[in-house]
Amino acid sequence: MADNYNGKPLFHVGADDFIYISNCLLLQKRLLSKNIHLQELKDYYVKERIPQFVIEYNGLVLSWG
């Protein structure tokens, strides 16, 4: 997780994580760590009290928090 995007940590995720996180964001649902596949993102999400991060998949960028 050496990359940053506008001061937030940037994670390069697969399609499954991108779809799950974007659906949670758009439908205003809770993001559950057990459904995150990328271990690095899962560890970050569990560790942070108020997680703020950016995900990237095939050039698409999405900001959480």
N, C-alpha and C. Protein backbone atom coordinates (compact mmCIF):
# COMPACT_ATOMS: atom_id res chain seq x y z
N MET A 1 0.83 -1.19 0.00
CA MET A 1 0.00 0.00 0.00
C MET A 1 0.87 1.25 0.00
N ALA A 2 1.86 1.32 -0.82
CA ALA A 2 2.75 2.46 -0.87
C ALA A 2 2.12 3.64 -1.62
N ASP A 3 1.08 3.37 -2.40
CA ASP A 3 0.47 4.41 -3.22
C ASP A 3 -0.53 5.23 -2.41
N ASN A 4 -0.61 6.51 -2.75
CA ASN A 4 -1.60 7.41 -2.17
C ASN A 4 -2.34 8.12 -3.28
N TYR A 5 -3.58 8.48 -3.02
CA TYR A 5 -4.39 9.24 -3.96
C TYR A 5 -5.08 10.33 -3.17
N ASN A 6 -4.67 11.58 -3.39
CA ASN A 6 -5.19 12.73 -2.64
C ASN A 6 -5.07 12.53 -1.12
N GLY A 7 -3.98 11.95 -0.69
CA GLY A 7 -3.72 11.77 0.73
C GLY A 7 -4.35 10.55 1.35
N LYS A 8 -5.11 9.80 0.59
CA LYS A 8 -5.73 8.57 1.09
C LYS A 8 -4.98 7.37 0.53
N PRO A 9 -4.91 6.27 1.28
CA PRO A 9 -4.22 5.08 0.77
C PRO A 9 -4.97 4.50 -0.44
N LEU A 10 -4.21 4.10 -1.44
CA LEU A 10 -4.76 3.57 -2.68
C LEU A 10 -4.53 2.07 -2.74
N PHE A 11 -5.59 1.31 -3.00
CA PHE A 11 -5.52 -0.14 -3.12
C PHE A 11 -5.94 -0.55 -4.52
N HIS A 12 -5.15 -1.39 -5.15
CA HIS A 12 -5.47 -1.93 -6.48
C HIS A 12 -6.21 -3.24 -6.25
N VAL A 13 -7.51 -3.25 -6.53
CA VAL A 13 -8.37 -4.38 -6.20
C VAL A 13 -8.81 -5.11 -7.47
N GLY A 14 -9.37 -6.28 -7.26
CA GLY A 14 -9.95 -7.06 -8.35
C GLY A 14 -11.40 -6.65 -8.57
N ALA A 15 -12.00 -7.27 -9.57
CA ALA A 15 -13.39 -6.94 -9.93
C ALA A 15 -14.35 -7.23 -8.79
N ASP A 16 -14.14 -8.33 -8.07
CA ASP A 16 -15.05 -8.70 -6.99
C ASP A 16 -15.09 -7.64 -5.89
N ASP A 17 -13.93 -7.18 -5.45
CA ASP A 17 -13.89 -6.14 -4.42
C ASP A 17 -14.44 -4.82 -4.95
N PHE A 18 -14.12 -4.47 -6.18
CA PHE A 18 -14.59 -3.20 -6.74
C PHE A 18 -16.11 -3.18 -6.81
N ILE A 19 -16.70 -4.27 -7.28
CA ILE A 19 -18.16 -4.34 -7.39
C ILE A 19 -18.80 -4.29 -6.00
N TYR A 20 -18.25 -5.04 -5.06
CA TYR A 20 -18.82 -5.07 -3.71
C TYR A 20 -18.76 -3.69 -3.05
N ILE A 21 -17.60 -3.05 -3.09
CA ILE A 21 -17.44 -1.75 -2.43
C ILE A 21 -18.27 -0.68 -3.12
N SER A 22 -18.32 -0.68 -4.45
CA SER A 22 -19.12 0.32 -5.16
C SER A 22 -20.61 0.13 -4.87
N ASN A 23 -21.07 -1.12 -4.77
CA ASN A 23 -22.48 -1.36 -4.43
C ASN A 23 -22.79 -0.87 -3.02
N CYS A 24 -21.91 -1.13 -2.08
CA CYS A 24 -22.12 -0.64 -0.71
C CYS A 24 -22.18 0.87 -0.68
N LEU A 25 -21.32 1.51 -1.44
CA LEU A 25 -21.29 2.97 -1.48
C LEU A 25 -22.56 3.53 -2.12
N LEU A 26 -22.96 2.97 -3.24
CA LEU A 26 -24.12 3.49 -3.96
C LEU A 26 -25.43 3.20 -3.24
N LEU A 27 -25.53 2.05 -2.61
CA LEU A 27 -26.77 1.67 -1.92
C LEU A 27 -26.77 2.06 -0.45
N GLN A 28 -25.67 2.73 -0.01
CA GLN A 28 -25.50 3.18 1.36
C GLN A 28 -25.67 2.04 2.36
N LYS A 29 -25.01 0.93 2.07
CA LYS A 29 -25.01 -0.24 2.94
C LYS A 29 -23.71 -0.29 3.72
N ARG A 30 -23.69 -1.09 4.78
CA ARG A 30 -22.47 -1.29 5.57
C ARG A 30 -21.47 -2.10 4.77
N LEU A 31 -20.23 -1.72 4.90
CA LEU A 31 -19.13 -2.47 4.29
C LEU A 31 -18.62 -3.45 5.33
N LEU A 32 -18.72 -4.74 5.05
CA LEU A 32 -18.30 -5.76 5.99
C LEU A 32 -16.94 -6.30 5.60
N SER A 33 -16.04 -6.33 6.56
CA SER A 33 -14.67 -6.76 6.27
C SER A 33 -14.60 -8.21 5.81
N LYS A 34 -15.54 -9.05 6.26
CA LYS A 34 -15.50 -10.45 5.87
C LYS A 34 -15.76 -10.65 4.37
N ASN A 35 -16.32 -9.65 3.70
CA ASN A 35 -16.61 -9.76 2.27
C ASN A 35 -15.51 -9.15 1.40
N ILE A 36 -14.49 -8.58 1.99
CA ILE A 36 -13.37 -8.00 1.24
C ILE A 36 -12.35 -9.09 0.96
N HIS A 37 -11.97 -9.27 -0.29
CA HIS A 37 -11.05 -10.34 -0.67
C HIS A 37 -9.58 -9.94 -0.56
N LEU A 38 -9.23 -8.71 -0.89
CA LEU A 38 -7.85 -8.25 -0.84
C LEU A 38 -7.42 -8.13 0.62
N GLN A 39 -6.51 -8.98 1.04
CA GLN A 39 -6.11 -9.06 2.45
C GLN A 39 -5.55 -7.74 2.97
N GLU A 40 -4.79 -7.04 2.15
CA GLU A 40 -4.19 -5.77 2.56
C GLU A 40 -5.28 -4.74 2.87
N LEU A 41 -6.31 -4.67 2.04
CA LEU A 41 -7.43 -3.75 2.27
C LEU A 41 -8.24 -4.19 3.48
N LYS A 42 -8.44 -5.47 3.64
CA LYS A 42 -9.19 -5.99 4.79
C LYS A 42 -8.49 -5.63 6.09
N ASP A 43 -7.18 -5.82 6.15
CA ASP A 43 -6.41 -5.48 7.35
C ASP A 43 -6.50 -3.99 7.66
N TYR A 44 -6.39 -3.16 6.63
CA TYR A 44 -6.49 -1.72 6.81
C TYR A 44 -7.87 -1.33 7.34
N TYR A 45 -8.92 -1.90 6.74
CA TYR A 45 -10.29 -1.57 7.12
C TYR A 45 -10.57 -1.95 8.57
N VAL A 46 -10.08 -3.10 9.00
CA VAL A 46 -10.31 -3.55 10.37
C VAL A 46 -9.52 -2.70 11.36
N LYS A 47 -8.30 -2.32 10.99
CA LYS A 47 -7.42 -1.59 11.89
C LYS A 47 -7.85 -0.14 12.11
N GLU A 48 -8.34 0.53 11.10
CA GLU A 48 -8.69 1.95 11.19
C GLU A 48 -10.04 2.16 11.86
N ARG A 49 -10.10 3.17 12.70
CA ARG A 49 -11.36 3.50 13.37
C ARG A 49 -12.37 4.08 12.38
N ILE A 50 -11.93 5.03 11.58
CA ILE A 50 -12.77 5.61 10.52
C ILE A 50 -12.00 5.45 9.21
N PRO A 51 -12.20 4.34 8.52
CA PRO A 51 -11.41 4.08 7.31
C PRO A 51 -11.76 5.02 6.16
N GLN A 52 -10.72 5.58 5.59
CA GLN A 52 -10.83 6.40 4.39
C GLN A 52 -9.79 5.88 3.42
N PHE A 53 -10.24 5.41 2.27
CA PHE A 53 -9.31 4.82 1.31
C PHE A 53 -9.84 5.00 -0.10
N VAL A 54 -9.00 4.69 -1.06
CA VAL A 54 -9.35 4.76 -2.47
C VAL A 54 -9.03 3.40 -3.08
N ILE A 55 -9.95 2.92 -3.94
CA ILE A 55 -9.69 1.68 -4.65
C ILE A 55 -9.60 1.97 -6.14
N GLU A 56 -8.84 1.14 -6.84
CA GLU A 56 -8.65 1.31 -8.28
C GLU A 56 -8.77 -0.05 -8.95
N TYR A 57 -9.53 -0.10 -10.04
CA TYR A 57 -9.68 -1.31 -10.84
C TYR A 57 -9.76 -0.91 -12.30
N ASN A 58 -8.82 -1.36 -13.09
CA ASN A 58 -8.79 -1.08 -14.54
C ASN A 58 -8.96 0.41 -14.86
N GLY A 59 -8.32 1.27 -14.11
CA GLY A 59 -8.38 2.70 -14.37
C GLY A 59 -9.56 3.41 -13.73
N LEU A 60 -10.50 2.67 -13.14
CA LEU A 60 -11.62 3.28 -12.44
C LEU A 60 -11.22 3.50 -10.99
N VAL A 61 -11.46 4.70 -10.49
CA VAL A 61 -11.06 5.06 -9.13
C VAL A 61 -12.31 5.40 -8.33
N LEU A 62 -12.36 4.86 -7.10
CA LEU A 62 -13.49 5.08 -6.22
C LEU A 62 -12.99 5.39 -4.83
N SER A 63 -13.55 6.44 -4.22
CA SER A 63 -13.11 6.86 -2.90
C SER A 63 -14.14 6.49 -1.85
N TRP A 64 -13.68 5.89 -0.76
CA TRP A 64 -14.54 5.52 0.37
C TRP A 64 -14.17 6.41 1.56
N GLY A 65 -15.15 7.10 2.10
CA GLY A 65 -14.92 7.91 3.29
C GLY A 65 -14.52 9.32 3.05
